[in-house]
Amino acid sequence: MRIAIIGAGIAGVTTAYECAADGHQVTVFERCGSVAAEGSFANAGITAPGLSLPWSPPQLPCLGGGAKLAWGWQRWRAGRDKTRNEQHERLLKLALFSHARLAELRRSLQMDYERADGVLVLLRSERELSTAQAGLALLGQQDISAQVLSAEQCLRIEPGLNPDTQLHGGVHLEQGEAGNCRQFTHLMRIAAQRLGVQFRFHTTVRQLTPGAPARLIHEYTPPPANLAERPRQTENGESNDSGDTRPAPMGCIEDSFDAVIICAGAGAASLLQTLKLKPALTTVHGYSITAPLRQLEAYPDLGPRAALFDQQQQVSISRIGQRIRLAGGIEPGAASERQKTSTHALLHRILNDWFPGSMLNSQIQQWQGSQALAADGLPLLGASGRDGIWLNLAQGSASVLGWPLACGAARALATQVAGRERGGEAPDITGLDICRFA
């Protein structure tokens, strides 16, 4: 089959790899100049099956304006869906499969990227633990390890935690990790290219026409010369962009494909509109700050060892190599400078709560990323209802713009697109497709 992938973030690149591994001819179209250039660039870097679902009712920001009020209404309705428990069980199975698939890819492809095992969810009060019990019970039913710890036990796992900050206890998720999502995506791109995947960067998909085959109109759209993108550097300071893998002629070009998979994240809205698809999606914005860990011989555990998640504040703290990253402040609607300033202040406050003095503030890198999020907090995976068009969107949760589902969703979609029987190869993603918005 000839397959087109729209979007070269973590979702698009893993999907391209899985399709190519099945022997298909794959082309990836990306509007930016490299992979992982937008929502996958500096996200939380946490992947853990246990964090695929919120353990407490969604914490929405103070809603104002028509768009945010409508979104709040959609989320309220989604929370009352009678099939919600069944959907959550299916999602957790996908998350477990994705975790296993990630480990398998890491071994088989001998991938070496910055990572650390384990995620510790911090609970500041007994009320938070009580609220989380229902979610923890669901994790137990799916054999997802979630060990409830006292404050003292949390300090043994993360000895750098500030003992003066109020901590009731925590939940340790052994099946999780902190990792460099962008670095992993670049390694997956190399693996995909070895299988023959072609990448078209600085290329915008203008139009999609369903059918057998589906038609796709794309155009090479480099930035103006005075605004030309410089090759983005990795967080280690090295260039990690090897350029386009196909010539890029000017003007609009029409191609036909047996299948087109939309993995464009927040950039998918215009394509869905032209296809007259109206899932309950919105664009959410998240923020992160990253800086080197302060190295003091007398305090070897000044920062985190792996990943932590402040349940009350919905902020993650990740160890990324020799750097520390805090991410959070996720909000629907248009991003604003006021929200950015407020979120950065929150991230610094959380850092001071748990790991004071651990970050070199003179070298902080700030990031803002966007992602599509469904009203029910579930991913949008599977057939679109339009011939030849498939969807791989909204994989993040309302609290973590991470990558816990990417590898599993890619494998499941590759199986569906090829029309193979599911068997034991990939979990059933029925119920996570667009039909739930009908």
Protein backbone atom coordinates (compact mmCIF):
# COMPACT_ATOMS: atom_id res chain seq x y z
CA MET A 1 0.00 0.00 0.00
CA ARG A 2 0.98 3.64 -0.53
CA ILE A 3 0.40 5.45 2.75
CA ALA A 4 0.67 9.15 3.54
CA ILE A 5 1.24 10.41 7.08
CA ILE A 6 0.39 14.04 7.85
CA GLY A 7 2.47 15.30 10.77
CA ALA A 8 5.95 14.33 11.99
CA GLY A 9 5.55 14.54 15.74
CA ILE A 10 5.85 11.49 17.99
CA ALA A 11 2.49 10.15 16.70
CA GLY A 12 3.32 10.61 13.01
CA VAL A 13 6.86 9.22 13.12
CA THR A 14 5.94 6.10 15.12
CA THR A 15 2.99 5.48 12.78
CA ALA A 16 5.26 5.85 9.76
CA TYR A 17 7.70 3.34 11.23
CA GLU A 18 5.01 0.76 12.00
CA CYS A 19 3.47 1.02 8.54
CA ALA A 20 6.88 0.74 6.88
CA ALA A 21 7.74 -2.25 9.07
CA ASP A 22 4.68 -3.95 7.57
CA GLY A 23 6.13 -3.43 4.11
CA HIS A 24 4.13 -0.39 2.99
CA GLN A 25 5.47 2.56 0.97
CA VAL A 26 5.23 5.54 3.33
CA THR A 27 5.59 9.31 2.83
CA VAL A 28 5.44 11.77 5.73
CA PHE A 29 4.33 15.39 5.14
CA GLU A 30 5.39 17.93 7.77
CA ARG A 31 4.86 21.70 7.66
CA CYS A 32 7.93 22.40 9.83
CA GLY A 33 11.57 21.78 9.02
CA SER A 34 12.13 18.71 11.20
CA VAL A 35 10.43 16.02 13.22
CA ALA A 36 9.16 16.77 16.75
CA ALA A 37 9.22 20.50 16.05
CA GLU A 38 5.93 21.42 17.74
CA GLY A 39 3.95 19.49 20.38
CA SER A 40 6.67 16.85 20.79
CA PHE A 41 9.56 19.30 21.16
CA ALA A 42 9.80 19.87 24.93
CA ASN A 43 6.75 18.22 26.46
CA ALA A 44 6.57 16.60 29.89
CA GLY A 45 8.52 13.57 28.73
CA ILE A 46 6.48 11.21 30.91
CA THR A 47 5.10 7.93 29.68
CA ALA A 48 3.23 5.77 32.20
CA PRO A 49 0.12 3.62 31.70
CA GLY A 50 -1.16 4.72 35.09
CA LEU A 51 -1.28 8.37 34.03
CA SER A 52 -3.32 7.74 30.89
CA LEU A 53 -6.44 8.68 32.85
CA PRO A 54 -6.98 11.39 35.47
CA TRP A 55 -7.58 9.95 38.94
CA SER A 56 -9.85 12.78 39.94
CA PRO A 57 -12.52 14.90 38.18
CA PRO A 58 -11.02 17.11 35.44
CA GLN A 59 -9.68 20.39 36.81
CA LEU A 60 -10.79 22.98 34.31
CA PRO A 61 -9.44 26.51 34.44
CA CYS A 62 -11.78 29.39 35.15
CA LEU A 63 -13.84 29.43 31.98
CA GLY A 64 -14.68 32.64 30.22
CA GLY A 65 -15.96 33.44 26.75
CA GLY A 66 -18.19 31.42 24.46
CA ALA A 67 -15.55 28.96 23.25
CA LYS A 68 -14.41 28.00 26.73
CA LEU A 69 -17.98 27.74 28.05
CA ALA A 70 -18.89 25.44 25.14
CA TRP A 71 -15.83 23.34 25.85
CA GLY A 72 -16.74 23.08 29.53
CA TRP A 73 -20.23 21.92 28.55
CA GLN A 74 -18.81 19.26 26.23
CA ARG A 75 -16.54 17.96 28.98
CA TRP A 76 -19.41 17.82 31.43
CA ARG A 77 -21.49 15.79 28.99
CA ALA A 78 -18.59 13.46 28.24
CA GLY A 79 -18.23 12.74 31.94
CA ARG A 80 -21.82 11.42 32.02
CA ASP A 81 -21.37 9.03 29.09
CA LYS A 82 -22.66 5.57 30.07
CA THR A 83 -19.89 3.85 28.09
CA ARG A 84 -17.14 5.82 29.79
CA ASN A 85 -15.92 2.98 32.03
CA GLU A 86 -15.67 0.64 29.05
CA GLN A 87 -13.74 3.28 27.11
CA HIS A 88 -11.38 3.80 30.03
CA GLU A 89 -10.68 0.07 30.28
CA ARG A 90 -9.89 -0.06 26.57
CA LEU A 91 -7.63 2.98 26.92
CA LEU A 92 -5.70 1.43 29.79
CA LYS A 93 -5.16 -1.75 27.75
CA LEU A 94 -3.82 0.40 24.93
CA ALA A 95 -1.54 2.23 27.37
CA LEU A 96 -0.15 -1.06 28.71
CA PHE A 97 0.43 -2.33 25.18
CA SER A 98 2.11 0.96 24.25
CA HIS A 99 4.44 0.71 27.23
CA ALA A 100 5.44 -2.81 26.18
CA ARG A 101 5.85 -1.75 22.55
CA LEU A 102 8.10 1.14 23.57
CA ALA A 103 10.32 -1.25 25.53
CA GLU A 104 10.40 -3.68 22.59
CA LEU A 105 11.42 -0.93 20.14
CA ARG A 106 14.10 0.29 22.52
CA ARG A 107 15.59 -3.22 22.67
CA SER A 108 15.21 -4.27 19.03
CA LEU A 109 16.44 -0.97 17.59
CA GLN A 110 19.12 -0.55 20.28
CA MET A 111 17.90 2.97 21.01
CA ASP A 112 19.89 5.03 23.46
CA TYR A 113 18.04 8.14 24.63
CA GLU A 114 17.87 10.05 27.89
CA ARG A 115 15.50 8.23 30.22
CA ALA A 116 14.92 7.19 33.83
CA ASP A 117 12.51 4.57 35.18
CA GLY A 118 9.57 5.24 37.49
CA VAL A 119 6.95 7.93 38.06
CA LEU A 120 6.01 9.16 41.54
CA VAL A 121 2.65 10.91 41.94
CA LEU A 122 2.80 13.35 44.85
CA LEU A 123 -0.31 13.70 47.04
CA ARG A 124 -0.35 16.71 49.32
CA SER A 125 -3.37 15.70 51.42
CA GLU A 126 -5.41 12.73 52.56
CA ARG A 127 -8.31 14.09 50.52
CA GLU A 128 -6.28 13.73 47.32
CA LEU A 129 -5.56 10.09 48.13
CA SER A 130 -9.24 9.46 48.87
CA THR A 131 -10.29 11.06 45.57
CA ALA A 132 -7.78 8.93 43.68
CA GLN A 133 -9.00 5.60 45.09
CA ALA A 134 -11.49 4.91 42.27
CA GLY A 135 -8.82 5.46 39.64
CA LEU A 136 -6.34 3.30 41.54
CA ALA A 137 -8.92 0.49 41.70
CA LEU A 138 -9.30 0.65 37.92
CA LEU A 139 -5.53 0.42 37.50
CA GLY A 140 -5.51 -2.65 39.73
CA GLN A 141 -8.15 -4.33 37.59
CA GLN A 142 -5.88 -3.91 34.57
CA ASP A 143 -2.80 -5.22 36.43
CA ILE A 144 -1.11 -1.82 36.34
CA SER A 145 1.28 -1.52 39.25
CA ALA A 146 0.43 1.46 41.48
CA GLN A 147 1.95 1.29 44.95
CA VAL A 148 0.54 3.68 47.56
CA LEU A 149 3.35 5.12 49.67
CA SER A 150 3.71 7.14 52.85
CA ALA A 151 5.59 10.43 52.85
CA GLU A 152 8.65 8.67 54.29
CA GLN A 153 8.59 6.05 51.53
CA CYS A 154 8.34 8.80 48.90
CA LEU A 155 11.50 10.36 50.31
CA ARG A 156 13.33 7.06 50.00
CA ILE A 157 12.46 6.87 46.30
CA GLU A 158 13.20 10.57 45.69
CA PRO A 159 15.62 11.64 48.45
CA GLY A 160 15.95 15.11 46.94
CA LEU A 161 12.37 16.04 47.83
CA ASN A 162 12.05 19.04 50.14
CA PRO A 163 11.09 17.62 53.57
CA ASP A 164 9.59 20.99 54.57
CA THR A 165 6.83 20.83 51.92
CA GLN A 166 3.60 19.22 53.11
CA LEU A 167 3.34 15.71 51.67
CA HIS A 168 0.71 13.20 52.71
CA GLY A 169 2.05 10.40 50.53
CA GLY A 170 2.29 9.28 46.96
CA VAL A 171 1.69 6.60 44.35
CA HIS A 172 4.66 4.96 42.68
CA LEU A 173 4.10 3.84 39.09
CA GLU A 174 6.88 1.40 38.27
CA GLN A 175 5.59 0.96 34.70
CA GLY A 176 6.58 4.45 33.67
CA GLU A 177 9.54 6.57 32.74
CA ALA A 178 10.83 10.06 32.21
CA GLY A 179 12.34 10.36 28.77
CA ASN A 180 13.45 12.77 26.08
CA CYS A 181 10.50 12.58 23.68
CA ARG A 182 12.16 14.66 20.98
CA GLN A 183 15.33 12.59 21.08
CA PHE A 184 13.29 9.39 20.83
CA THR A 185 11.33 10.78 17.86
CA HIS A 186 14.55 11.58 15.99
CA LEU A 187 15.82 8.05 16.59
CA MET A 188 12.52 6.64 15.32
CA ARG A 189 12.83 8.82 12.23
CA ILE A 190 16.24 7.28 11.47
CA ALA A 191 14.78 3.80 11.94
CA ALA A 192 11.86 4.68 9.64
CA GLN A 193 14.19 6.02 6.95
CA ARG A 194 16.11 2.76 6.99
CA LEU A 195 12.82 1.07 6.09
CA GLY A 196 12.36 3.43 3.15
CA VAL A 197 10.09 6.10 4.67
CA GLN A 198 10.28 9.40 2.76
CA PHE A 199 9.96 12.71 4.62
CA ARG A 200 8.71 15.94 3.03
CA PHE A 201 9.51 18.86 5.34
CA HIS A 202 8.29 22.44 4.92
CA THR A 203 5.32 20.90 3.12
CA THR A 204 1.72 21.91 3.82
CA VAL A 205 -1.19 19.65 2.94
CA ARG A 206 -3.74 21.94 1.30
CA GLN A 207 -6.57 19.53 0.54
CA LEU A 208 -7.71 15.97 1.15
CA THR A 209 -10.23 14.15 -1.01
CA PRO A 210 -11.50 10.80 0.31
CA GLY A 211 -11.72 7.86 -2.03
CA ALA A 212 -10.05 4.72 -3.27
CA PRO A 213 -7.42 5.97 -3.68
CA ALA A 214 -7.56 9.13 -1.56
CA ARG A 215 -6.13 12.28 -3.14
CA LEU A 216 -3.86 14.74 -1.38
CA ILE A 217 -2.76 18.18 -2.57
CA HIS A 218 0.42 19.48 -0.95
CA GLU A 219 2.71 22.45 -1.44
CA TYR A 220 6.29 23.18 -0.52
CA THR A 221 6.04 26.11 1.93
CA PRO A 222 9.46 27.16 3.25
CA PRO A 223 9.52 30.21 5.51
CA PRO A 224 10.39 33.56 3.88
CA ALA A 225 14.12 34.10 3.44
CA ASN A 226 14.20 36.72 6.18
CA LEU A 227 12.40 34.35 8.53
CA ALA A 228 14.08 31.13 7.46
CA GLU A 229 14.10 28.45 10.11
CA ARG A 230 17.50 27.64 11.42
CA PRO A 231 18.07 23.95 12.16
CA ARG A 232 16.81 23.47 15.70
CA GLN A 233 19.32 22.17 18.17
CA THR A 234 18.86 19.29 20.51
CA GLU A 235 18.84 20.01 24.21
CA ASN A 236 22.49 18.96 24.17
CA GLY A 237 23.24 21.78 21.74
CA GLU A 238 23.78 19.61 18.67
CA SER A 239 21.88 19.92 15.39
CA ASN A 240 19.55 16.98 14.94
CA ASP A 241 18.03 17.78 11.55
CA SER A 242 19.38 15.89 8.55
CA GLY A 243 17.11 17.69 6.10
CA ASP A 244 14.46 16.53 3.65
CA THR A 245 14.74 13.09 2.12
CA ARG A 246 13.03 13.94 -1.18
CA PRO A 247 13.36 16.82 -3.65
CA ALA A 248 10.75 19.52 -3.05
CA PRO A 249 9.43 21.12 -6.28
CA MET A 250 7.56 24.42 -6.00
CA GLY A 251 3.81 24.78 -6.43
CA CYS A 252 0.84 22.59 -5.55
CA ILE A 253 1.18 18.89 -6.29
CA GLU A 254 -1.51 16.22 -6.22
CA ASP A 255 -0.68 12.67 -5.12
CA SER A 256 -2.86 9.63 -4.56
CA PHE A 257 -2.54 7.16 -1.71
CA ASP A 258 -4.28 3.99 -0.61
CA ALA A 259 -4.52 5.46 2.89
CA VAL A 260 -3.90 8.84 4.51
CA ILE A 261 -3.35 8.99 8.29
CA ILE A 262 -3.79 12.40 9.94
CA CYS A 263 -1.35 12.76 12.86
CA ALA A 264 -1.11 16.55 12.74
CA GLY A 265 -2.16 17.28 16.33
CA ALA A 266 -3.41 20.85 16.74
CA GLY A 267 -2.79 21.40 13.02
CA ALA A 268 -5.47 18.87 12.04
CA ALA A 269 -8.42 21.21 12.57
CA SER A 270 -8.45 22.66 9.05
CA LEU A 271 -8.16 19.22 7.44
CA LEU A 272 -11.02 17.84 9.51
CA GLN A 273 -13.14 20.84 8.55
CA THR A 274 -12.61 20.27 4.82
CA LEU A 275 -13.63 16.64 5.35
CA LYS A 276 -16.77 17.85 7.17
CA LEU A 277 -15.74 15.99 10.30
CA LYS A 278 -16.73 17.61 13.58
CA PRO A 279 -15.36 15.64 16.53
CA ALA A 280 -15.46 17.40 19.88
CA LEU A 281 -11.83 18.54 19.74
CA THR A 282 -10.23 21.71 20.94
CA THR A 283 -6.69 23.04 20.95
CA VAL A 284 -4.98 23.15 24.33
CA HIS A 285 -1.71 24.85 25.17
CA GLY A 286 0.90 23.59 27.59
CA TYR A 287 4.12 25.09 28.87
CA SER A 288 7.44 23.82 30.14
CA ILE A 289 10.72 25.13 31.51
CA THR A 290 13.98 23.19 31.20
CA ALA A 291 17.39 23.92 32.67
CA PRO A 292 20.55 22.08 33.74
CA LEU A 293 20.56 20.52 37.19
CA ARG A 294 22.80 22.24 39.68
CA GLN A 295 25.75 19.95 40.46
CA LEU A 296 26.90 20.05 44.10
CA GLU A 297 29.15 17.27 45.40
CA ALA A 298 27.76 17.62 48.90
CA TYR A 299 24.17 17.21 47.64
CA PRO A 300 24.11 14.43 45.01
CA ASP A 301 20.29 14.22 45.16
CA LEU A 302 19.56 17.90 44.75
CA GLY A 303 17.08 17.18 41.93
CA PRO A 304 14.76 14.34 40.89
CA ARG A 305 15.98 10.87 39.99
CA ALA A 306 13.16 10.15 37.52
CA ALA A 307 9.66 11.64 37.05
CA LEU A 308 7.16 13.10 39.48
CA PHE A 309 3.65 14.48 39.12
CA ASP A 310 2.08 16.98 41.52
CA GLN A 311 -1.53 15.79 41.55
CA GLN A 312 -2.94 18.94 43.13
CA GLN A 313 -1.24 21.40 40.79
CA GLN A 314 -1.23 19.10 37.71
CA VAL A 315 2.45 19.80 37.11
CA SER A 316 5.09 17.24 36.12
CA ILE A 317 8.75 17.26 37.13
CA SER A 318 11.07 15.18 34.95
CA ARG A 319 14.73 14.25 34.96
CA ILE A 320 15.92 14.58 31.34
CA GLY A 321 19.55 13.52 31.30
CA GLN A 322 21.38 16.15 33.34
CA ARG A 323 18.49 18.58 33.06
CA ILE A 324 15.26 19.11 34.95
CA ARG A 325 11.95 19.91 33.25
CA LEU A 326 8.66 21.13 34.68
CA ALA A 327 5.53 21.10 32.53
CA GLY A 328 1.91 22.07 33.10
CA GLY A 329 -0.56 24.93 32.87
CA ILE A 330 -2.63 23.23 30.18
CA GLU A 331 -5.55 25.39 29.07
CA PRO A 332 -8.05 25.36 26.18
CA GLY A 333 -8.55 28.34 23.90
CA ALA A 334 -6.11 30.87 22.53
CA ALA A 335 -2.76 31.11 24.25
CA SER A 336 -2.07 34.45 25.89
CA GLU A 337 0.97 36.23 27.26
CA ARG A 338 -0.83 36.55 30.59
CA GLN A 339 -1.37 32.77 30.79
CA LYS A 340 2.24 32.16 29.83
CA THR A 341 3.52 34.45 32.59
CA SER A 342 1.16 32.92 35.14
CA THR A 343 2.12 29.36 34.23
CA HIS A 344 5.85 30.05 34.36
CA ALA A 345 5.38 31.51 37.82
CA LEU A 346 3.48 28.36 38.84
CA LEU A 347 6.21 26.09 37.49
CA HIS A 348 8.89 27.95 39.40
CA ARG A 349 6.77 27.80 42.57
CA ILE A 350 6.32 24.04 42.24
CA LEU A 351 10.06 23.61 41.69
CA ASN A 352 10.74 25.62 44.83
CA ASP A 353 8.22 23.46 46.74
CA TRP A 354 9.82 20.14 45.89
CA PHE A 355 13.41 20.74 44.72
CA PRO A 356 14.53 24.23 45.77
CA GLY A 357 17.80 25.41 44.28
CA SER A 358 18.11 22.43 41.94
CA MET A 359 17.87 24.33 38.64
CA LEU A 360 20.39 26.70 37.07
CA ASN A 361 18.01 29.60 36.50
CA SER A 362 20.48 31.46 34.28
CA GLN A 363 20.10 28.75 31.60
CA ILE A 364 16.33 28.19 31.53
CA GLN A 365 14.68 27.32 28.22
CA GLN A 366 10.98 28.11 27.95
CA TRP A 367 8.59 26.23 25.66
CA GLN A 368 4.95 26.47 24.67
CA GLY A 369 3.25 23.67 22.74
CA SER A 370 -0.21 22.98 21.37
CA GLN A 371 -2.17 19.78 21.00
CA ALA A 372 -5.63 18.59 20.05
CA LEU A 373 -7.67 17.34 23.03
CA ALA A 374 -11.02 15.56 22.89
CA ALA A 375 -13.82 16.61 25.22
CA ASP A 376 -13.83 13.19 26.89
CA GLY A 377 -10.05 13.15 27.32
CA LEU A 378 -9.70 10.05 25.13
CA PRO A 379 -7.60 9.72 21.97
CA LEU A 380 -9.15 9.80 18.50
CA LEU A 381 -7.91 6.69 16.72
CA GLY A 382 -9.07 4.69 13.72
CA ALA A 383 -11.12 5.13 10.56
CA SER A 384 -12.53 8.61 9.98
CA GLY A 385 -15.71 7.52 8.24
CA ARG A 386 -14.29 8.93 4.98
CA ASP A 387 -12.83 6.45 2.48
CA GLY A 388 -9.08 6.15 2.76
CA ILE A 389 -8.72 8.63 5.66
CA TRP A 390 -7.57 7.55 9.14
CA LEU A 391 -7.04 9.50 12.37
CA ASN A 392 -4.35 9.41 15.05
CA LEU A 393 -5.05 12.46 17.19
CA ALA A 394 -5.59 13.75 20.75
CA GLN A 395 -3.27 11.29 22.45
CA GLY A 396 -2.42 13.51 25.40
CA SER A 397 -4.47 13.77 28.57
CA ALA A 398 -5.89 16.92 30.13
CA SER A 399 -2.92 17.01 32.51
CA VAL A 400 0.12 15.66 30.66
CA LEU A 401 1.01 16.51 27.06
CA GLY A 402 3.24 13.48 26.89
CA TRP A 403 3.65 10.39 24.77
CA PRO A 404 2.28 7.39 26.71
CA LEU A 405 0.09 6.09 23.86
CA ALA A 406 2.21 6.83 20.78
CA CYS A 407 3.86 3.45 20.18
CA GLY A 408 0.74 1.41 20.90
CA ALA A 409 -1.58 3.62 18.87
CA ALA A 410 0.83 3.47 15.91
CA ARG A 411 0.93 -0.33 15.98
CA ALA A 412 -2.87 -0.60 16.35
CA LEU A 413 -3.49 1.79 13.45
CA ALA A 414 -1.01 0.03 11.18
CA THR A 415 -2.91 -3.18 11.85
CA GLN A 416 -6.26 -1.57 11.10
CA VAL A 417 -5.13 0.18 7.93
CA ALA A 418 -3.74 -3.09 6.55
CA GLY A 419 -7.09 -4.76 7.29
CA ARG A 420 -5.55 -7.57 9.31
CA GLU A 421 -7.31 -9.45 12.06
CA ARG A 422 -6.44 -8.08 15.49
CA GLY A 423 -5.50 -11.29 17.26
CA GLY A 424 -2.92 -10.69 19.94
CA GLU A 425 -0.80 -8.23 17.95
CA ALA A 426 -2.53 -5.01 19.02
CA PRO A 427 -5.38 -4.12 21.36
CA ASP A 428 -8.90 -3.38 20.20
CA ILE A 429 -9.32 0.39 19.78
CA THR A 430 -13.03 0.21 18.95
CA GLY A 431 -14.80 2.93 20.89
CA LEU A 432 -11.82 5.27 20.64
CA ASP A 433 -12.70 6.21 17.08
CA ILE A 434 -14.81 9.05 15.68
CA CYS A 435 -18.05 7.05 15.98
CA ARG A 436 -18.39 8.12 19.62
CA PHE A 437 -19.06 11.70 18.47
CA ALA A 438 -21.88 10.72 16.11
